[in-house]
Amino acid sequence: MIVPKPVAVFCPEFTKWIRGQPCFVSGEAAESHHVRGRRFGDVSNVVPLSHSEHMQLHSWGKLTWQKRRGVNLSLQAALWWARWQDRADGVDGVTEMR
């Protein structure tokens, strides 16, 4: 069976937009967190997290952090990517897909 290579999405505007959103956990100012790793710059798996939540996630580990916070990071990443794609201003911003 052939397994297709994952598609990496490159969109600097999305990463900038994510950093301008509030943390989806605390509501504080956010930085971007890559849910599945940066995978050569892939941004379709990014969520906005405050610095303290981001550091706790890395300290506790993904599974423990998700359990304690009651969230699914992969689902959140998909929701944020969909929100970006559906936003009203219509700017695509995706520069490359591999």
N, C-alpha and C. Protein backbone atom coordinates (compact mmCIF):
# COMPACT_ATOMS: atom_id res chain seq x y z
N MET A 1 0.84 -1.18 0.00
CA MET A 1 0.00 0.00 0.00
C MET A 1 0.89 1.25 0.00
N ILE A 2 0.56 2.19 -0.84
CA ILE A 2 1.30 3.44 -0.93
C ILE A 2 0.62 4.48 -0.05
N VAL A 3 1.40 5.07 0.84
CA VAL A 3 0.89 6.12 1.73
C VAL A 3 1.32 7.46 1.16
N PRO A 4 0.36 8.35 0.86
CA PRO A 4 0.74 9.64 0.29
C PRO A 4 1.50 10.50 1.29
N LYS A 5 2.43 11.26 0.76
CA LYS A 5 3.20 12.18 1.58
C LYS A 5 2.29 13.32 2.03
N PRO A 6 2.36 13.72 3.33
CA PRO A 6 1.52 14.84 3.79
C PRO A 6 1.83 16.12 3.03
N VAL A 7 0.82 16.92 2.83
CA VAL A 7 0.98 18.21 2.15
C VAL A 7 1.36 19.26 3.17
N ALA A 8 2.41 19.99 2.90
CA ALA A 8 2.84 21.08 3.78
C ALA A 8 2.31 22.40 3.20
N VAL A 9 1.72 23.22 4.03
CA VAL A 9 1.16 24.49 3.60
C VAL A 9 2.03 25.62 4.15
N PHE A 10 2.42 26.53 3.27
CA PHE A 10 3.27 27.66 3.64
C PHE A 10 2.48 28.95 3.49
N CYS A 11 2.28 29.65 4.58
CA CYS A 11 1.47 30.87 4.53
C CYS A 11 1.92 31.82 5.65
N PRO A 12 2.90 32.66 5.38
CA PRO A 12 3.38 33.59 6.41
C PRO A 12 2.28 34.49 6.97
N GLU A 13 1.30 34.85 6.13
CA GLU A 13 0.21 35.71 6.59
C GLU A 13 -0.63 35.01 7.66
N PHE A 14 -0.82 33.70 7.52
CA PHE A 14 -1.59 32.95 8.52
C PHE A 14 -0.87 32.94 9.86
N THR A 15 0.43 32.69 9.84
CA THR A 15 1.20 32.68 11.08
C THR A 15 1.14 34.05 11.75
N LYS A 16 1.25 35.11 10.97
CA LYS A 16 1.15 36.47 11.52
C LYS A 16 -0.25 36.70 12.10
N TRP A 17 -1.28 36.25 11.40
CA TRP A 17 -2.65 36.39 11.87
C TRP A 17 -2.87 35.63 13.17
N ILE A 18 -2.34 34.41 13.27
CA ILE A 18 -2.46 33.59 14.49
C ILE A 18 -1.85 34.33 15.68
N ARG A 19 -0.67 34.92 15.48
CA ARG A 19 0.00 35.63 16.57
C ARG A 19 -0.79 36.87 17.01
N GLY A 20 -1.69 37.35 16.16
CA GLY A 20 -2.53 38.49 16.51
C GLY A 20 -3.83 38.09 17.21
N GLN A 21 -4.09 36.80 17.31
CA GLN A 21 -5.31 36.30 17.97
C GLN A 21 -5.04 36.08 19.45
N PRO A 22 -6.09 36.10 20.27
CA PRO A 22 -5.88 35.77 21.69
C PRO A 22 -5.67 34.27 21.87
N CYS A 23 -4.99 33.90 22.92
CA CYS A 23 -4.82 32.49 23.26
C CYS A 23 -6.19 31.85 23.39
N PHE A 24 -6.39 30.69 22.76
CA PHE A 24 -7.71 30.07 22.80
C PHE A 24 -8.01 29.43 24.16
N VAL A 25 -7.03 29.37 25.06
CA VAL A 25 -7.24 28.83 26.40
C VAL A 25 -7.45 29.95 27.42
N SER A 26 -6.53 30.92 27.45
CA SER A 26 -6.55 31.95 28.49
C SER A 26 -7.08 33.30 28.03
N GLY A 27 -7.10 33.54 26.73
CA GLY A 27 -7.52 34.85 26.22
C GLY A 27 -6.41 35.88 26.21
N GLU A 28 -5.21 35.52 26.70
CA GLU A 28 -4.07 36.44 26.72
C GLU A 28 -3.46 36.57 25.32
N ALA A 29 -2.52 37.49 25.17
CA ALA A 29 -1.79 37.64 23.92
C ALA A 29 -1.14 36.30 23.57
N ALA A 30 -1.09 35.98 22.28
CA ALA A 30 -0.65 34.64 21.87
C ALA A 30 0.59 34.65 20.99
N GLU A 31 1.21 33.50 20.98
CA GLU A 31 2.26 33.17 20.02
C GLU A 31 1.79 31.91 19.31
N SER A 32 2.45 31.54 18.22
CA SER A 32 1.99 30.38 17.47
C SER A 32 2.64 29.09 17.97
N HIS A 33 1.84 28.05 18.07
CA HIS A 33 2.33 26.72 18.45
C HIS A 33 2.00 25.75 17.33
N HIS A 34 3.01 25.04 16.83
CA HIS A 34 2.82 24.01 15.81
C HIS A 34 2.42 22.71 16.48
N VAL A 35 1.22 22.23 16.21
CA VAL A 35 0.67 21.05 16.86
C VAL A 35 1.44 19.78 16.48
N ARG A 36 1.76 19.62 15.21
CA ARG A 36 2.44 18.41 14.75
C ARG A 36 3.90 18.66 14.39
N GLY A 37 4.50 19.67 14.90
CA GLY A 37 5.86 20.01 14.52
C GLY A 37 5.86 20.91 13.31
N ARG A 38 6.97 21.51 13.04
CA ARG A 38 7.02 22.51 11.96
C ARG A 38 7.03 21.90 10.57
N ARG A 39 7.37 20.66 10.46
CA ARG A 39 7.36 19.94 9.19
C ARG A 39 7.71 20.85 8.01
N PHE A 40 8.91 21.37 8.02
CA PHE A 40 9.42 22.22 6.94
C PHE A 40 8.59 23.49 6.76
N GLY A 41 8.10 24.04 7.86
CA GLY A 41 7.39 25.31 7.79
C GLY A 41 5.88 25.20 7.68
N ASP A 42 5.32 24.00 7.69
CA ASP A 42 3.87 23.82 7.54
C ASP A 42 3.13 24.63 8.60
N VAL A 43 2.18 25.45 8.17
CA VAL A 43 1.44 26.29 9.12
C VAL A 43 -0.01 25.86 9.28
N SER A 44 -0.46 24.85 8.57
CA SER A 44 -1.87 24.48 8.66
C SER A 44 -2.19 23.79 9.98
N ASN A 45 -1.19 23.58 10.83
CA ASN A 45 -1.41 22.93 12.12
C ASN A 45 -0.98 23.82 13.29
N VAL A 46 -1.31 25.11 13.18
CA VAL A 46 -0.87 26.10 14.17
C VAL A 46 -2.07 26.58 14.99
N VAL A 47 -1.84 26.78 16.30
CA VAL A 47 -2.86 27.35 17.18
C VAL A 47 -2.27 28.51 17.97
N PRO A 48 -3.10 29.46 18.39
CA PRO A 48 -2.61 30.57 19.21
C PRO A 48 -2.60 30.18 20.70
N LEU A 49 -1.43 30.25 21.31
CA LEU A 49 -1.29 29.97 22.74
C LEU A 49 -0.52 31.10 23.40
N SER A 50 -0.92 31.44 24.62
CA SER A 50 -0.14 32.42 25.38
C SER A 50 1.22 31.81 25.68
N HIS A 51 2.17 32.65 26.02
CA HIS A 51 3.51 32.14 26.31
C HIS A 51 3.48 31.13 27.46
N SER A 52 2.72 31.44 28.52
CA SER A 52 2.69 30.52 29.66
C SER A 52 2.04 29.18 29.30
N GLU A 53 0.96 29.21 28.53
CA GLU A 53 0.32 27.95 28.09
C GLU A 53 1.27 27.16 27.18
N HIS A 54 1.95 27.88 26.30
CA HIS A 54 2.90 27.26 25.38
C HIS A 54 4.02 26.54 26.15
N MET A 55 4.56 27.23 27.16
CA MET A 55 5.62 26.63 27.96
C MET A 55 5.11 25.45 28.79
N GLN A 56 3.89 25.57 29.33
CA GLN A 56 3.31 24.44 30.06
C GLN A 56 3.11 23.23 29.15
N LEU A 57 2.64 23.47 27.95
CA LEU A 57 2.45 22.37 27.00
C LEU A 57 3.77 21.63 26.77
N HIS A 58 4.83 22.37 26.52
CA HIS A 58 6.13 21.72 26.28
C HIS A 58 6.67 21.06 27.55
N SER A 59 6.37 21.63 28.70
CA SER A 59 6.83 21.06 29.96
C SER A 59 6.08 19.77 30.32
N TRP A 60 4.75 19.81 30.20
CA TRP A 60 3.92 18.66 30.59
C TRP A 60 3.86 17.59 29.51
N GLY A 61 4.06 17.97 28.26
CA GLY A 61 3.85 17.06 27.14
C GLY A 61 2.45 17.24 26.57
N LYS A 62 2.32 16.97 25.29
CA LYS A 62 1.07 17.22 24.57
C LYS A 62 -0.13 16.50 25.18
N LEU A 63 -0.01 15.21 25.44
CA LEU A 63 -1.16 14.44 25.94
C LEU A 63 -1.62 14.91 27.31
N THR A 64 -0.67 15.13 28.22
CA THR A 64 -1.02 15.60 29.56
C THR A 64 -1.65 16.98 29.50
N TRP A 65 -1.06 17.89 28.71
CA TRP A 65 -1.60 19.24 28.60
C TRP A 65 -3.02 19.21 28.06
N GLN A 66 -3.25 18.43 27.00
CA GLN A 66 -4.59 18.34 26.42
C GLN A 66 -5.60 17.81 27.43
N LYS A 67 -5.20 16.80 28.20
CA LYS A 67 -6.10 16.22 29.20
C LYS A 67 -6.42 17.23 30.29
N ARG A 68 -5.42 17.93 30.79
CA ARG A 68 -5.63 18.92 31.85
C ARG A 68 -6.46 20.11 31.37
N ARG A 69 -6.29 20.48 30.12
CA ARG A 69 -7.01 21.63 29.57
C ARG A 69 -8.34 21.23 28.93
N GLY A 70 -8.55 19.94 28.70
CA GLY A 70 -9.79 19.48 28.09
C GLY A 70 -9.94 19.90 26.64
N VAL A 71 -8.82 19.92 25.90
CA VAL A 71 -8.86 20.33 24.50
C VAL A 71 -8.16 19.29 23.62
N ASN A 72 -8.48 19.34 22.34
CA ASN A 72 -7.83 18.51 21.33
C ASN A 72 -7.09 19.46 20.40
N LEU A 73 -5.77 19.45 20.46
CA LEU A 73 -4.98 20.41 19.67
C LEU A 73 -5.14 20.23 18.17
N SER A 74 -5.23 18.99 17.71
CA SER A 74 -5.40 18.77 16.26
C SER A 74 -6.72 19.35 15.78
N LEU A 75 -7.77 19.16 16.56
CA LEU A 75 -9.07 19.74 16.21
C LEU A 75 -9.00 21.26 16.24
N GLN A 76 -8.36 21.83 17.26
CA GLN A 76 -8.21 23.28 17.34
C GLN A 76 -7.45 23.82 16.13
N ALA A 77 -6.38 23.14 15.74
CA ALA A 77 -5.60 23.58 14.57
C ALA A 77 -6.47 23.59 13.32
N ALA A 78 -7.25 22.55 13.14
CA ALA A 78 -8.14 22.48 11.97
C ALA A 78 -9.17 23.62 12.00
N LEU A 79 -9.70 23.91 13.19
CA LEU A 79 -10.67 25.00 13.31
C LEU A 79 -10.05 26.36 13.01
N TRP A 80 -8.84 26.59 13.51
CA TRP A 80 -8.17 27.87 13.24
C TRP A 80 -7.82 28.02 11.77
N TRP A 81 -7.38 26.93 11.12
CA TRP A 81 -7.06 26.97 9.69
C TRP A 81 -8.34 27.26 8.89
N ALA A 82 -9.45 26.62 9.27
CA ALA A 82 -10.72 26.86 8.58
C ALA A 82 -11.18 28.30 8.79
N ARG A 83 -11.01 28.82 10.00
CA ARG A 83 -11.38 30.20 10.29
C ARG A 83 -10.59 31.16 9.41
N TRP A 84 -9.30 30.89 9.24
CA TRP A 84 -8.45 31.71 8.37
C TRP A 84 -8.95 31.66 6.94
N GLN A 85 -9.25 30.48 6.46
CA GLN A 85 -9.69 30.33 5.07
C GLN A 85 -11.05 30.96 4.81
N ASP A 86 -11.90 31.00 5.84
CA ASP A 86 -13.25 31.52 5.69
C ASP A 86 -13.41 32.99 6.05
N ARG A 87 -12.35 33.63 6.48
CA ARG A 87 -12.50 35.00 6.96
C ARG A 87 -12.99 35.92 5.84
N ALA A 88 -13.61 36.99 6.22
CA ALA A 88 -14.37 37.82 5.30
C ALA A 88 -13.54 38.61 4.30
N ASP A 89 -12.27 38.87 4.61
CA ASP A 89 -11.52 39.76 3.71
C ASP A 89 -11.09 39.08 2.41
N GLY A 90 -11.20 37.77 2.33
CA GLY A 90 -10.96 37.06 1.08
C GLY A 90 -9.52 36.94 0.65
N VAL A 91 -8.57 37.35 1.47
CA VAL A 91 -7.16 37.24 1.11
C VAL A 91 -6.71 35.81 1.33
N ASP A 92 -6.22 35.17 0.29
CA ASP A 92 -5.81 33.77 0.41
C ASP A 92 -4.50 33.65 1.17
N GLY A 93 -3.43 34.22 0.67
CA GLY A 93 -2.17 34.23 1.38
C GLY A 93 -1.36 32.95 1.35
N VAL A 94 -1.92 31.84 0.88
CA VAL A 94 -1.14 30.61 0.81
C VAL A 94 -0.12 30.79 -0.28
N THR A 95 1.13 30.71 0.08
CA THR A 95 2.20 30.97 -0.88
C THR A 95 2.68 29.70 -1.57
N GLU A 96 2.54 28.55 -0.93
CA GLU A 96 3.04 27.32 -1.54
C GLU A 96 2.48 26.12 -0.82
N MET A 97 2.15 25.09 -1.58
CA MET A 97 1.74 23.80 -1.01
C MET A 97 2.61 22.73 -1.62
N ARG A 98 3.20 21.88 -0.77
CA ARG A 98 4.05 20.80 -1.28
C ARG A 98 3.52 19.47 -0.83
